[in-house]
Amino acid sequence: MFTPQTIGYVILLVTSKLDPYCNHTTNQMTSTRFKGGIQNGTVATDARARKLDKQCKHVKDEIFALLQARYPQLTLQKKLTKDQIPGGIGACEPDGGAWFYNGVLIAVFEGKKQQDRGNAIERWFKNNFVCRAINPDVSYVTFCTGEGAYRIWDKMLGNLTYGQIVKALNIAHLEGFDQYNPGGNSAYLNTDCFTKEFLSAIMIKVITERIESLTVFE
């Protein structure tokens, strides 16, 4: 079992370089307000959005190499195969991979950006539904970034205001955001972006917790 001290040491091993696009002081929601439209110095396919995709894909390979030595039955798939998807139709290719232990789907990691357009949210719900049809107790974790990934207390209105991505995903995260909900849906919010260190820590925490939940009675 990984202790908090062990996890801290592991994170140092897999985070050789921090993301230059990130604010490394925190991975929590900021209270910055954003203007509508494309901001100065950005493009429609924002560098931070591309960075999140790359981070999820690269971090998953490093974490797998690290944990597979301890848990030989752990496997990682880039996407689900047709014979794994109930009904055999469609596709599911999460950014952070689909993780199995002894053939059981235990965890899925996604990256979601406010800049997503079209059927991005529809695809999130479809992928989530597919994964829960395979295993109702899968931990489905989403890292949300962009100007819509916030919850802010509005002093004038006297209540919380929510970004667009929070409004879209709230129904699937009634237990709350910015926390790990074992066997459920978890979503982390950051209007800036996440460091590689943060992504690594969450992925290790989720995968080890799921494995230990399966092996506790073995």
Protein backbone atom coordinates (compact mmCIF):
# COMPACT_ATOMS: atom_id res chain seq x y z
CA MET A 1 0.00 0.00 0.00
CA PHE A 2 1.30 3.45 -0.87
CA THR A 3 1.58 5.76 2.15
CA PRO A 4 1.32 9.57 1.74
CA GLN A 5 5.10 9.70 2.09
CA THR A 6 5.56 7.05 -0.58
CA ILE A 7 3.21 8.84 -2.94
CA GLY A 8 5.14 12.07 -2.47
CA TYR A 9 8.37 10.26 -3.38
CA VAL A 10 6.71 8.61 -6.39
CA ILE A 11 5.49 11.98 -7.68
CA LEU A 12 9.04 13.32 -7.61
CA LEU A 13 10.11 10.41 -9.78
CA VAL A 14 7.52 11.01 -12.48
CA THR A 15 7.58 14.82 -12.59
CA SER A 16 10.92 15.71 -14.09
CA LYS A 17 9.60 18.97 -15.54
CA LEU A 18 6.64 21.15 -14.64
CA ASP A 19 4.25 22.43 -17.27
CA PRO A 20 5.37 25.88 -18.50
CA TYR A 21 1.76 26.86 -19.19
CA CYS A 22 0.63 26.35 -15.60
CA ASN A 23 0.51 28.32 -12.42
CA HIS A 24 2.48 25.93 -10.22
CA THR A 25 1.44 27.47 -6.91
CA THR A 26 -1.98 25.86 -6.91
CA ASN A 27 -4.30 23.52 -8.76
CA GLN A 28 -7.43 24.87 -7.14
CA MET A 29 -10.08 27.04 -8.72
CA THR A 30 -9.07 30.66 -9.17
CA SER A 31 -11.51 33.53 -8.75
CA THR A 32 -10.48 35.32 -11.93
CA ARG A 33 -13.28 36.46 -14.15
CA PHE A 34 -12.90 36.01 -17.89
CA LYS A 35 -14.29 38.04 -20.72
CA GLY A 36 -16.24 36.31 -23.45
CA GLY A 37 -14.77 35.31 -26.77
CA ILE A 38 -11.17 34.56 -27.73
CA GLN A 39 -8.75 36.50 -25.57
CA ASN A 40 -5.61 38.32 -26.64
CA GLY A 41 -2.69 35.95 -26.95
CA THR A 42 -4.85 32.86 -27.43
CA VAL A 43 -6.22 30.93 -30.38
CA ALA A 44 -9.32 28.78 -30.71
CA THR A 45 -7.31 25.63 -30.03
CA ASP A 46 -5.63 27.05 -26.94
CA ALA A 47 -2.11 25.90 -26.00
CA ARG A 48 -3.34 24.92 -22.53
CA ALA A 49 -6.04 22.71 -24.01
CA ARG A 50 -3.50 20.91 -26.18
CA LYS A 51 -1.21 20.64 -23.18
CA LEU A 52 -3.88 18.89 -21.10
CA ASP A 53 -4.37 16.27 -23.82
CA LYS A 54 -0.64 15.61 -24.00
CA GLN A 55 -0.24 15.56 -20.23
CA CYS A 56 -2.98 12.99 -19.69
CA LYS A 57 -1.54 10.76 -22.40
CA HIS A 58 2.08 11.03 -21.24
CA VAL A 59 1.38 10.83 -17.51
CA LYS A 60 -0.67 7.66 -17.90
CA ASP A 61 2.26 5.82 -19.48
CA GLU A 62 4.62 6.88 -16.70
CA ILE A 63 2.17 5.96 -13.96
CA PHE A 64 1.50 2.58 -15.58
CA ALA A 65 5.22 1.75 -15.75
CA LEU A 66 5.51 2.71 -12.09
CA LEU A 67 2.49 0.84 -10.73
CA GLN A 68 2.61 -2.23 -12.94
CA ALA A 69 5.77 -3.39 -11.20
CA ARG A 70 3.83 -3.48 -7.92
CA TYR A 71 0.55 -4.69 -9.40
CA PRO A 72 1.35 -7.16 -12.24
CA GLN A 73 -2.36 -7.69 -12.93
CA LEU A 74 -2.78 -3.99 -13.79
CA THR A 75 -3.31 -3.24 -17.49
CA LEU A 76 -3.82 0.00 -19.41
CA GLN A 77 -5.70 0.48 -22.65
CA LYS A 78 -5.67 3.57 -24.85
CA LYS A 79 -9.26 2.83 -25.82
CA LEU A 80 -11.94 0.23 -25.31
CA THR A 81 -12.26 -2.47 -27.95
CA LYS A 82 -15.52 -3.19 -29.76
CA ASP A 83 -16.01 -6.45 -27.90
CA GLN A 84 -15.65 -4.60 -24.57
CA ILE A 85 -18.31 -2.01 -25.42
CA PRO A 86 -21.83 -3.26 -24.64
CA GLY A 87 -23.62 -3.74 -27.96
CA GLY A 88 -20.33 -3.51 -29.89
CA ILE A 89 -21.13 -0.11 -31.44
CA GLY A 90 -19.32 3.18 -30.92
CA ALA A 91 -15.96 4.08 -29.46
CA CYS A 92 -14.45 5.15 -26.15
CA GLU A 93 -10.92 6.60 -26.08
CA PRO A 94 -10.37 8.55 -22.84
CA ASP A 95 -7.35 10.90 -22.70
CA GLY A 96 -5.90 9.23 -19.60
CA GLY A 97 -6.73 5.70 -20.63
CA ALA A 98 -8.93 2.88 -19.37
CA TRP A 99 -7.35 0.99 -16.46
CA PHE A 100 -8.08 -2.66 -15.66
CA TYR A 101 -7.10 -4.89 -12.76
CA ASN A 102 -7.54 -8.65 -13.20
CA GLY A 103 -9.74 -7.84 -16.19
CA VAL A 104 -12.02 -5.46 -14.22
CA LEU A 105 -12.35 -1.87 -15.42
CA ILE A 106 -11.34 0.14 -12.32
CA ALA A 107 -10.57 3.69 -13.50
CA VAL A 108 -10.95 6.07 -16.44
CA PHE A 109 -9.32 9.50 -16.79
CA GLU A 110 -10.54 12.28 -19.10
CA GLY A 111 -9.39 15.82 -19.88
CA LYS A 112 -12.11 18.35 -20.68
CA LYS A 113 -11.67 21.96 -21.81
CA GLN A 114 -14.11 24.87 -21.87
CA GLN A 115 -12.94 25.43 -25.45
CA ASP A 116 -14.60 22.15 -26.47
CA ARG A 117 -17.40 22.69 -28.93
CA GLY A 118 -19.88 20.52 -30.79
CA ASN A 119 -20.61 17.17 -29.16
CA ALA A 120 -17.83 17.24 -26.55
CA ILE A 121 -20.17 17.10 -23.52
CA GLU A 122 -22.44 14.60 -25.24
CA ARG A 123 -19.36 12.43 -25.82
CA TRP A 124 -18.42 12.70 -22.12
CA PHE A 125 -21.82 11.37 -21.05
CA LYS A 126 -21.69 8.64 -23.67
CA ASN A 127 -18.24 7.49 -22.55
CA ASN A 128 -19.29 7.61 -18.91
CA PHE A 129 -22.40 5.55 -19.66
CA VAL A 130 -20.35 2.96 -21.57
CA CYS A 131 -17.83 2.60 -18.75
CA ARG A 132 -20.53 2.27 -16.09
CA ALA A 133 -22.28 -0.37 -18.18
CA ILE A 134 -19.03 -2.35 -18.06
CA ASN A 135 -18.50 -1.75 -14.33
CA PRO A 136 -20.93 0.34 -12.24
CA ASP A 137 -18.17 0.90 -9.66
CA VAL A 138 -15.56 2.33 -12.01
CA SER A 139 -13.91 5.55 -10.82
CA TYR A 140 -14.41 8.06 -13.65
CA VAL A 141 -12.15 11.10 -13.20
CA THR A 142 -12.25 14.27 -15.29
CA PHE A 143 -9.74 17.13 -15.28
CA CYS A 144 -11.56 20.32 -16.36
CA THR A 145 -9.71 23.45 -17.51
CA GLY A 146 -10.51 26.73 -19.23
CA GLU A 147 -12.45 29.84 -18.35
CA GLY A 148 -15.63 27.81 -17.75
CA ALA A 149 -14.08 25.52 -15.11
CA TYR A 150 -14.97 27.50 -12.00
CA ARG A 151 -17.31 27.92 -9.04
CA ILE A 152 -17.12 31.41 -7.53
CA TRP A 153 -18.94 32.99 -4.62
CA ASP A 154 -20.54 36.14 -5.97
CA LYS A 155 -20.66 38.66 -3.12
CA MET A 156 -23.16 40.90 -4.90
CA LEU A 157 -25.60 38.07 -5.63
CA GLY A 158 -24.89 36.23 -2.40
CA ASN A 159 -24.54 32.84 -4.05
CA LEU A 160 -22.24 30.65 -6.10
CA THR A 161 -21.85 31.25 -9.81
CA TYR A 162 -20.78 28.47 -12.11
CA GLY A 163 -18.80 28.18 -15.31
CA GLN A 164 -20.26 26.50 -18.37
CA ILE A 165 -18.46 23.20 -17.97
CA VAL A 166 -19.57 22.97 -14.33
CA LYS A 167 -23.19 23.54 -15.36
CA ALA A 168 -22.90 20.83 -18.01
CA LEU A 169 -21.32 18.18 -15.75
CA ASN A 170 -23.00 19.03 -12.43
CA ILE A 171 -25.80 16.45 -12.77
CA ALA A 172 -23.16 13.71 -12.92
CA HIS A 173 -21.18 15.09 -9.95
CA LEU A 174 -23.74 15.70 -7.24
CA GLU A 175 -21.29 14.48 -4.59
CA GLY A 176 -19.19 17.54 -5.34
CA PHE A 177 -16.25 18.80 -7.39
CA ASP A 178 -12.54 18.96 -6.53
CA GLN A 179 -12.64 15.78 -4.50
CA TYR A 180 -12.20 12.08 -5.15
CA ASN A 181 -15.41 10.07 -4.99
CA PRO A 182 -14.40 6.36 -4.95
CA GLY A 183 -16.36 4.27 -7.43
CA GLY A 184 -18.16 7.37 -8.71
CA ASN A 185 -17.58 10.42 -10.87
CA SER A 186 -14.91 12.92 -9.82
CA ALA A 187 -14.10 16.21 -11.53
CA TYR A 188 -11.31 18.65 -10.74
CA LEU A 189 -11.57 22.30 -11.83
CA ASN A 190 -8.88 24.78 -12.78
CA THR A 191 -9.33 27.89 -14.92
CA ASP A 192 -5.60 27.85 -15.63
CA CYS A 193 -4.28 24.30 -15.99
CA PHE A 194 -2.99 21.39 -13.94
CA THR A 195 0.62 20.58 -13.21
CA LYS A 196 1.98 17.20 -14.13
CA GLU A 197 2.60 16.67 -10.42
CA PHE A 198 -1.09 17.14 -9.63
CA LEU A 199 -2.27 14.81 -12.40
CA SER A 200 0.20 12.14 -11.29
CA ALA A 201 -0.87 12.34 -7.65
CA ILE A 202 -4.58 11.99 -8.47
CA MET A 203 -4.04 9.08 -10.87
CA ILE A 204 -1.89 7.18 -8.36
CA LYS A 205 -4.41 7.81 -5.59
CA VAL A 206 -7.37 6.62 -7.67
CA ILE A 207 -5.73 3.52 -9.13
CA THR A 208 -4.28 2.29 -5.84
CA GLU A 209 -7.57 2.91 -4.01
CA ARG A 210 -9.51 0.93 -6.61
CA ILE A 211 -7.06 -1.98 -6.56
CA GLU A 212 -7.10 -2.11 -2.77
CA SER A 213 -10.92 -2.03 -2.76
CA LEU A 214 -10.87 -5.18 -4.92
CA THR A 215 -8.17 -7.01 -2.99
CA VAL A 216 -9.19 -6.18 0.60
CA PHE A 217 -10.99 -9.52 0.99
CA GLU A 218 -8.46 -11.64 -0.92
